[in-house]
Amino acid sequence: MIGFMSVMTILSGLLLNLFILIQARGASLGAGFGGSGELFTERRGIDKVIHQITIILAVVFVLSIVLGIISG
C-alpha cells in the first residue's frame, strides 16, 4: 500500500507541475506566443479543461499525501 501511495504522489505531482506550466496566467493557451493582453477572460474550450484537470490533480496529490501519512 505504501508503494502505491508513493507512486500516486509522485505521478500526480509531476502531472500537476506539467499542467500548471501549460497554463498561461491571465490569457488563453496562446499567450506564450504573443497572445492578447486581456486580464479577465472566461476560460473556454481547452483552457477550461486544463484548469479543471489541474484542480483534480491538486486534490489527488493532497489526498495521496494525507493517505500516505495515515497509512505509513
PDB file of N, CA and C in Angstrom:
ATOM      1  N   MET A   1       0.822  -1.194   0.000  1.00  0.00           N
ATOM      2  CA  MET A   1       0.000   0.000   0.000  1.00  0.00           C
ATOM      3  C   MET A   1       0.864   1.255   0.000  1.00  0.00           C
ATOM      4  N   ILE A   2       1.981   1.217   0.728  1.00  0.00           N
ATOM      5  CA  ILE A   2       2.856   2.384   0.795  1.00  0.00           C
ATOM      6  C   ILE A   2       3.495   2.638  -0.565  1.00  0.00           C
ATOM      7  N   GLY A   3       3.848   1.581  -1.287  1.00  0.00           N
ATOM      8  CA  GLY A   3       4.426   1.737  -2.619  1.00  0.00           C
ATOM      9  C   GLY A   3       3.446   2.367  -3.592  1.00  0.00           C
ATOM     10  N   PHE A   4       2.184   1.969  -3.500  1.00  0.00           N
ATOM     11  CA  PHE A   4       1.152   2.542  -4.372  1.00  0.00           C
ATOM     12  C   PHE A   4       0.948   4.019  -4.081  1.00  0.00           C
ATOM     13  N   MET A   5       0.931   4.373  -2.800  1.00  0.00           N
ATOM     14  CA  MET A   5       0.732   5.775  -2.436  1.00  0.00           C
ATOM     15  C   MET A   5       1.932   6.626  -2.874  1.00  0.00           C
ATOM     16  N   SER A   6       3.121   6.076  -2.793  1.00  0.00           N
ATOM     17  CA  SER A   6       4.301   6.811  -3.247  1.00  0.00           C
ATOM     18  C   SER A   6       4.261   7.052  -4.743  1.00  0.00           C
ATOM     19  N   VAL A   7       3.892   6.021  -5.481  1.00  0.00           N
ATOM     20  CA  VAL A   7       3.782   6.161  -6.936  1.00  0.00           C
ATOM     21  C   VAL A   7       2.687   7.156  -7.288  1.00  0.00           C
ATOM     22  N   MET A   8       1.567   7.091  -6.599  1.00  0.00           N
ATOM     23  CA  MET A   8       0.455   8.013  -6.860  1.00  0.00           C
ATOM     24  C   MET A   8       0.850   9.452  -6.550  1.00  0.00           C
ATOM     25  N   THR A   9       1.583   9.657  -5.454  1.00  0.00           N
ATOM     26  CA  THR A   9       2.026  11.001  -5.090  1.00  0.00           C
ATOM     27  C   THR A   9       3.000  11.558  -6.120  1.00  0.00           C
ATOM     28  N   ILE A  10       3.973  10.758  -6.525  1.00  0.00           N
ATOM     29  CA  ILE A  10       4.966  11.216  -7.495  1.00  0.00           C
ATOM     30  C   ILE A  10       4.321  11.487  -8.851  1.00  0.00           C
ATOM     31  N   LEU A  11       3.481  10.577  -9.312  1.00  0.00           N
ATOM     32  CA  LEU A  11       2.834  10.737 -10.613  1.00  0.00           C
ATOM     33  C   LEU A  11       1.901  11.944 -10.630  1.00  0.00           C
ATOM     34  N   SER A  12       1.087  12.096  -9.588  1.00  0.00           N
ATOM     35  CA  SER A  12       0.180  13.244  -9.563  1.00  0.00           C
ATOM     36  C   SER A  12       0.952  14.549  -9.403  1.00  0.00           C
ATOM     37  N   GLY A  13       2.064  14.542  -8.681  1.00  0.00           N
ATOM     38  CA  GLY A  13       2.891  15.736  -8.534  1.00  0.00           C
ATOM     39  C   GLY A  13       3.525  16.163  -9.853  1.00  0.00           C
ATOM     40  N   LEU A  14       4.044  15.200 -10.597  1.00  0.00           N
ATOM     41  CA  LEU A  14       4.636  15.516 -11.901  1.00  0.00           C
ATOM     42  C   LEU A  14       3.598  16.032 -12.888  1.00  0.00           C
ATOM     43  N   LEU A  15       2.445  15.375 -12.926  1.00  0.00           N
ATOM     44  CA  LEU A  15       1.377  15.835 -13.824  1.00  0.00           C
ATOM     45  C   LEU A  15       0.842  17.198 -13.409  1.00  0.00           C
ATOM     46  N   LEU A  16       0.766  17.441 -12.109  1.00  0.00           N
ATOM     47  CA  LEU A  16       0.304  18.740 -11.621  1.00  0.00           C
ATOM     48  C   LEU A  16       1.259  19.844 -12.057  1.00  0.00           C
ATOM     49  N   ASN A  17       2.560  19.598 -11.928  1.00  0.00           N
ATOM     50  CA  ASN A  17       3.543  20.578 -12.396  1.00  0.00           C
ATOM     51  C   ASN A  17       3.414  20.839 -13.885  1.00  0.00           C
ATOM     52  N   LEU A  18       3.230  19.791 -14.658  1.00  0.00           N
ATOM     53  CA  LEU A  18       3.086  19.932 -16.106  1.00  0.00           C
ATOM     54  C   LEU A  18       1.867  20.774 -16.461  1.00  0.00           C
ATOM     55  N   PHE A  19       0.737  20.488 -15.840  1.00  0.00           N
ATOM     56  CA  PHE A  19      -0.487  21.216 -16.160  1.00  0.00           C
ATOM     57  C   PHE A  19      -0.442  22.659 -15.662  1.00  0.00           C
ATOM     58  N   ILE A  20       0.267  22.921 -14.576  1.00  0.00           N
ATOM     59  CA  ILE A  20       0.421  24.301 -14.128  1.00  0.00           C
ATOM     60  C   ILE A  20       1.285  25.078 -15.111  1.00  0.00           C
ATOM     61  N   LEU A  21       2.340  24.461 -15.603  1.00  0.00           N
ATOM     62  CA  LEU A  21       3.216  25.144 -16.553  1.00  0.00           C
ATOM     63  C   LEU A  21       2.552  25.373 -17.903  1.00  0.00           C
ATOM     64  N   ILE A  22       1.615  24.506 -18.280  1.00  0.00           N
ATOM     65  CA  ILE A  22       0.903  24.677 -19.547  1.00  0.00           C
ATOM     66  C   ILE A  22       0.018  25.913 -19.512  1.00  0.00           C
ATOM     67  N   GLN A  23      -0.544  26.187 -18.356  1.00  0.00           N
ATOM     68  CA  GLN A  23      -1.470  27.312 -18.241  1.00  0.00           C
ATOM     69  C   GLN A  23      -0.719  28.634 -18.338  1.00  0.00           C
ATOM     70  N   ALA A  24      -1.359  29.596 -18.993  1.00  0.00           N
ATOM     71  CA  ALA A  24      -0.801  30.943 -19.074  1.00  0.00           C
ATOM     72  C   ALA A  24      -1.654  31.857 -18.217  1.00  0.00           C
ATOM     73  N   ARG A  25      -1.036  32.643 -17.376  1.00  0.00           N
ATOM     74  CA  ARG A  25      -1.767  33.488 -16.449  1.00  0.00           C
ATOM     75  C   ARG A  25      -2.432  34.648 -17.179  1.00  0.00           C
ATOM     76  N   GLY A  26      -3.741  34.786 -16.990  1.00  0.00           N
ATOM     77  CA  GLY A  26      -4.474  35.935 -17.499  1.00  0.00           C
ATOM     78  C   GLY A  26      -4.776  35.914 -18.978  1.00  0.00           C
ATOM     79  N   ALA A  27      -4.526  34.836 -19.648  1.00  0.00           N
ATOM     80  CA  ALA A  27      -4.810  34.791 -21.080  1.00  0.00           C
ATOM     81  C   ALA A  27      -5.033  33.346 -21.498  1.00  0.00           C
ATOM     82  N   SER A  28      -5.258  33.168 -22.756  1.00  0.00           N
ATOM     83  CA  SER A  28      -5.539  31.832 -23.257  1.00  0.00           C
ATOM     84  C   SER A  28      -4.252  31.052 -23.475  1.00  0.00           C
ATOM     85  N   LEU A  29      -4.371  29.872 -24.014  1.00  0.00           N
ATOM     86  CA  LEU A  29      -3.235  28.974 -24.202  1.00  0.00           C
ATOM     87  C   LEU A  29      -2.175  29.581 -25.114  1.00  0.00           C
ATOM     88  N   GLY A  30      -2.556  30.430 -26.029  1.00  0.00           N
ATOM     89  CA  GLY A  30      -1.621  31.025 -26.960  1.00  0.00           C
ATOM     90  C   GLY A  30      -0.906  32.257 -26.453  1.00  0.00           C
ATOM     91  N   ALA A  31      -1.024  32.575 -25.176  1.00  0.00           N
ATOM     92  CA  ALA A  31      -0.406  33.783 -24.631  1.00  0.00           C
ATOM     93  C   ALA A  31       1.114  33.719 -24.675  1.00  0.00           C
ATOM     94  N   GLY A  32       1.657  32.527 -24.604  1.00  0.00           N
ATOM     95  CA  GLY A  32       3.101  32.388 -24.670  1.00  0.00           C
ATOM     96  C   GLY A  32       3.665  32.762 -26.021  1.00  0.00           C
ATOM     97  N   PHE A  33       2.817  32.822 -27.023  1.00  0.00           N
ATOM     98  CA  PHE A  33       3.249  33.174 -28.370  1.00  0.00           C
ATOM     99  C   PHE A  33       2.772  34.567 -28.758  1.00  0.00           C
ATOM    100  N   GLY A  34       2.613  35.457 -27.781  1.00  0.00           N
ATOM    101  CA  GLY A  34       2.212  36.829 -28.073  1.00  0.00           C
ATOM    102  C   GLY A  34       0.717  37.017 -28.134  1.00  0.00           C
ATOM    103  N   GLY A  35      -0.005  36.353 -27.267  1.00  0.00           N
ATOM    104  CA  GLY A  35      -1.466  36.436 -27.243  1.00  0.00           C
ATOM    105  C   GLY A  35      -1.970  37.780 -26.764  1.00  0.00           C
ATOM    106  N   SER A  36      -3.239  37.864 -26.521  1.00  0.00           N
ATOM    107  CA  SER A  36      -3.879  39.123 -26.150  1.00  0.00           C
ATOM    108  C   SER A  36      -3.461  39.576 -24.756  1.00  0.00           C
ATOM    109  N   GLY A  37      -3.717  40.855 -24.464  1.00  0.00           N
ATOM    110  CA  GLY A  37      -3.338  41.420 -23.183  1.00  0.00           C
ATOM    111  C   GLY A  37      -4.493  41.548 -22.215  1.00  0.00           C
ATOM    112  N   GLU A  38      -5.596  40.874 -22.441  1.00  0.00           N
ATOM    113  CA  GLU A  38      -6.748  40.960 -21.551  1.00  0.00           C
ATOM    114  C   GLU A  38      -6.425  40.317 -20.212  1.00  0.00           C
ATOM    115  N   LEU A  39      -6.870  40.959 -19.143  1.00  0.00           N
ATOM    116  CA  LEU A  39      -6.591  40.428 -17.814  1.00  0.00           C
ATOM    117  C   LEU A  39      -7.664  39.478 -17.323  1.00  0.00           C
ATOM    118  N   PHE A  40      -8.916  39.782 -17.607  1.00  0.00           N
ATOM    119  CA  PHE A  40     -10.014  38.961 -17.103  1.00  0.00           C
ATOM    120  C   PHE A  40     -10.752  38.332 -18.281  1.00  0.00           C
ATOM    121  N   THR A  41     -10.521  37.066 -18.472  1.00  0.00           N
ATOM    122  CA  THR A  41     -11.198  36.351 -19.541  1.00  0.00           C
ATOM    123  C   THR A  41     -11.869  35.123 -18.958  1.00  0.00           C
ATOM    124  N   GLU A  42     -12.883  34.677 -19.618  1.00  0.00           N
ATOM    125  CA  GLU A  42     -13.568  33.459 -19.204  1.00  0.00           C
ATOM    126  C   GLU A  42     -12.874  32.278 -19.861  1.00  0.00           C
ATOM    127  N   ARG A  43     -12.640  31.240 -19.081  1.00  0.00           N
ATOM    128  CA  ARG A  43     -11.982  30.059 -19.636  1.00  0.00           C
ATOM    129  C   ARG A  43     -12.977  29.308 -20.517  1.00  0.00           C
ATOM    130  N   ARG A  44     -12.504  28.982 -21.700  1.00  0.00           N
ATOM    131  CA  ARG A  44     -13.346  28.246 -22.646  1.00  0.00           C
ATOM    132  C   ARG A  44     -12.518  27.179 -23.323  1.00  0.00           C
ATOM    133  N   GLY A  45     -13.189  26.158 -23.778  1.00  0.00           N
ATOM    134  CA  GLY A  45     -12.529  25.115 -24.556  1.00  0.00           C
ATOM    135  C   GLY A  45     -11.449  24.392 -23.790  1.00  0.00           C
ATOM    136  N   ILE A  46     -10.287  24.284 -24.430  1.00  0.00           N
ATOM    137  CA  ILE A  46      -9.189  23.512 -23.852  1.00  0.00           C
ATOM    138  C   ILE A  46      -8.642  24.170 -22.589  1.00  0.00           C
ATOM    139  N   ASP A  47      -8.703  25.501 -22.496  1.00  0.00           N
ATOM    140  CA  ASP A  47      -8.250  26.184 -21.280  1.00  0.00           C
ATOM    141  C   ASP A  47      -9.079  25.768 -20.075  1.00  0.00           C
ATOM    142  N   LYS A  48     -10.369  25.632 -20.265  1.00  0.00           N
ATOM    143  CA  LYS A  48     -11.260  25.229 -19.170  1.00  0.00           C
ATOM    144  C   LYS A  48     -10.976  23.788 -18.757  1.00  0.00           C
ATOM    145  N   VAL A  49     -10.746  22.931 -19.738  1.00  0.00           N
ATOM    146  CA  VAL A  49     -10.456  21.524 -19.450  1.00  0.00           C
ATOM    147  C   VAL A  49      -9.131  21.396 -18.702  1.00  0.00           C
ATOM    148  N   ILE A  50      -8.110  22.130 -19.139  1.00  0.00           N
ATOM    149  CA  ILE A  50      -6.815  22.084 -18.467  1.00  0.00           C
ATOM    150  C   ILE A  50      -6.940  22.599 -17.036  1.00  0.00           C
ATOM    151  N   HIS A  51      -7.718  23.642 -16.845  1.00  0.00           N
ATOM    152  CA  HIS A  51      -7.934  24.196 -15.496  1.00  0.00           C
ATOM    153  C   HIS A  51      -8.627  23.175 -14.596  1.00  0.00           C
ATOM    154  N   GLN A  52      -9.636  22.509 -15.102  1.00  0.00           N
ATOM    155  CA  GLN A  52     -10.352  21.510 -14.300  1.00  0.00           C
ATOM    156  C   GLN A  52      -9.467  20.306 -13.984  1.00  0.00           C
ATOM    157  N   ILE A  53      -8.658  19.871 -14.944  1.00  0.00           N
ATOM    158  CA  ILE A  53      -7.745  18.749 -14.699  1.00  0.00           C
ATOM    159  C   ILE A  53      -6.714  19.143 -13.642  1.00  0.00           C
ATOM    160  N   THR A  54      -6.255  20.389 -13.670  1.00  0.00           N
ATOM    161  CA  THR A  54      -5.300  20.863 -12.682  1.00  0.00           C
ATOM    162  C   THR A  54      -5.888  20.814 -11.277  1.00  0.00           C
ATOM    163  N   ILE A  55      -7.140  21.211 -11.148  1.00  0.00           N
ATOM    164  CA  ILE A  55      -7.806  21.158  -9.839  1.00  0.00           C
ATOM    165  C   ILE A  55      -7.930  19.720  -9.362  1.00  0.00           C
ATOM    166  N   ILE A  56      -8.325  18.826 -10.245  1.00  0.00           N
ATOM    167  CA  ILE A  56      -8.469  17.410  -9.882  1.00  0.00           C
ATOM    168  C   ILE A  56      -7.120  16.831  -9.465  1.00  0.00           C
ATOM    169  N   LEU A  57      -6.053  17.156 -10.218  1.00  0.00           N
ATOM    170  CA  LEU A  57      -4.728  16.656  -9.874  1.00  0.00           C
ATOM    171  C   LEU A  57      -4.247  17.197  -8.531  1.00  0.00           C
ATOM    172  N   ALA A  58      -4.585  18.443  -8.218  1.00  0.00           N
ATOM    173  CA  ALA A  58      -4.201  19.015  -6.925  1.00  0.00           C
ATOM    174  C   ALA A  58      -4.888  18.268  -5.787  1.00  0.00           C
ATOM    175  N   VAL A  59      -6.158  17.949  -5.962  1.00  0.00           N
ATOM    176  CA  VAL A  59      -6.899  17.210  -4.936  1.00  0.00           C
ATOM    177  C   VAL A  59      -6.320  15.803  -4.775  1.00  0.00           C
ATOM    178  N   VAL A  60      -6.035  15.130  -5.890  1.00  0.00           N
ATOM    179  CA  VAL A  60      -5.453  13.786  -5.830  1.00  0.00           C
ATOM    180  C   VAL A  60      -4.086  13.827  -5.147  1.00  0.00           C
ATOM    181  N   PHE A  61      -3.284  14.842  -5.452  1.00  0.00           N
ATOM    182  CA  PHE A  61      -1.955  14.984  -4.855  1.00  0.00           C
ATOM    183  C   PHE A  61      -2.051  15.139  -3.335  1.00  0.00           C
ATOM    184  N   VAL A  62      -2.914  16.031  -2.886  1.00  0.00           N
ATOM    185  CA  VAL A  62      -3.060  16.259  -1.448  1.00  0.00           C
ATOM    186  C   VAL A  62      -3.614  15.013  -0.751  1.00  0.00           C
ATOM    187  N   LEU A  63      -4.622  14.390  -1.340  1.00  0.00           N
ATOM    188  CA  LEU A  63      -5.193  13.178  -0.733  1.00  0.00           C
ATOM    189  C   LEU A  63      -4.180  12.043  -0.668  1.00  0.00           C
ATOM    190  N   SER A  64      -3.350  11.900  -1.711  1.00  0.00           N
ATOM    191  CA  SER A  64      -2.355  10.830  -1.681  1.00  0.00           C
ATOM    192  C   SER A  64      -1.316  11.071  -0.597  1.00  0.00           C
ATOM    193  N   ILE A  65      -0.974  12.325  -0.353  1.00  0.00           N
ATOM    194  CA  ILE A  65      -0.030  12.638   0.731  1.00  0.00           C
ATOM    195  C   ILE A  65      -0.662  12.347   2.091  1.00  0.00           C
ATOM    196  N   VAL A  66      -1.902  12.802   2.280  1.00  0.00           N
ATOM    197  CA  VAL A  66      -2.579  12.572   3.561  1.00  0.00           C
ATOM    198  C   VAL A  66      -2.779  11.089   3.816  1.00  0.00           C
ATOM    199  N   LEU A  67      -3.228  10.341   2.821  1.00  0.00           N
ATOM    200  CA  LEU A  67      -3.413   8.891   2.990  1.00  0.00           C
ATOM    201  C   LEU A  67      -2.088   8.176   3.203  1.00  0.00           C
ATOM    202  N   GLY A  68      -1.040   8.657   2.571  1.00  0.00           N
ATOM    203  CA  GLY A  68       0.285   8.057   2.798  1.00  0.00           C
ATOM    204  C   GLY A  68       0.768   8.273   4.219  1.00  0.00           C
ATOM    205  N   ILE A  69       0.490   9.453   4.772  1.00  0.00           N
ATOM    206  CA  ILE A  69       0.875   9.723   6.154  1.00  0.00           C
ATOM    207  C   ILE A  69       0.055   8.885   7.125  1.00  0.00           C
ATOM    208  N   ILE A  70      -1.249   8.768   6.863  1.00  0.00           N
ATOM    209  CA  ILE A  70      -2.113   7.989   7.751  1.00  0.00           C
ATOM    210  C   ILE A  70      -1.749   6.513   7.712  1.00  0.00           C
ATOM    211  N   SER A  71      -1.488   5.979   6.521  1.00  0.00           N
ATOM    212  CA  SER A  71      -1.221   4.542   6.397  1.00  0.00           C
ATOM    213  C   SER A  71       0.214   4.176   6.750  1.00  0.00           C
ATOM    214  N   GLY A  72       1.099   5.151   6.741  1.00  0.00           N
ATOM    215  CA  GLY A  72       2.513   4.826   6.932  1.00  0.00           C
ATOM    216  C   GLY A  72       2.986   5.008   8.301  1.00  0.00           C
TER     217      GLY A  72
END
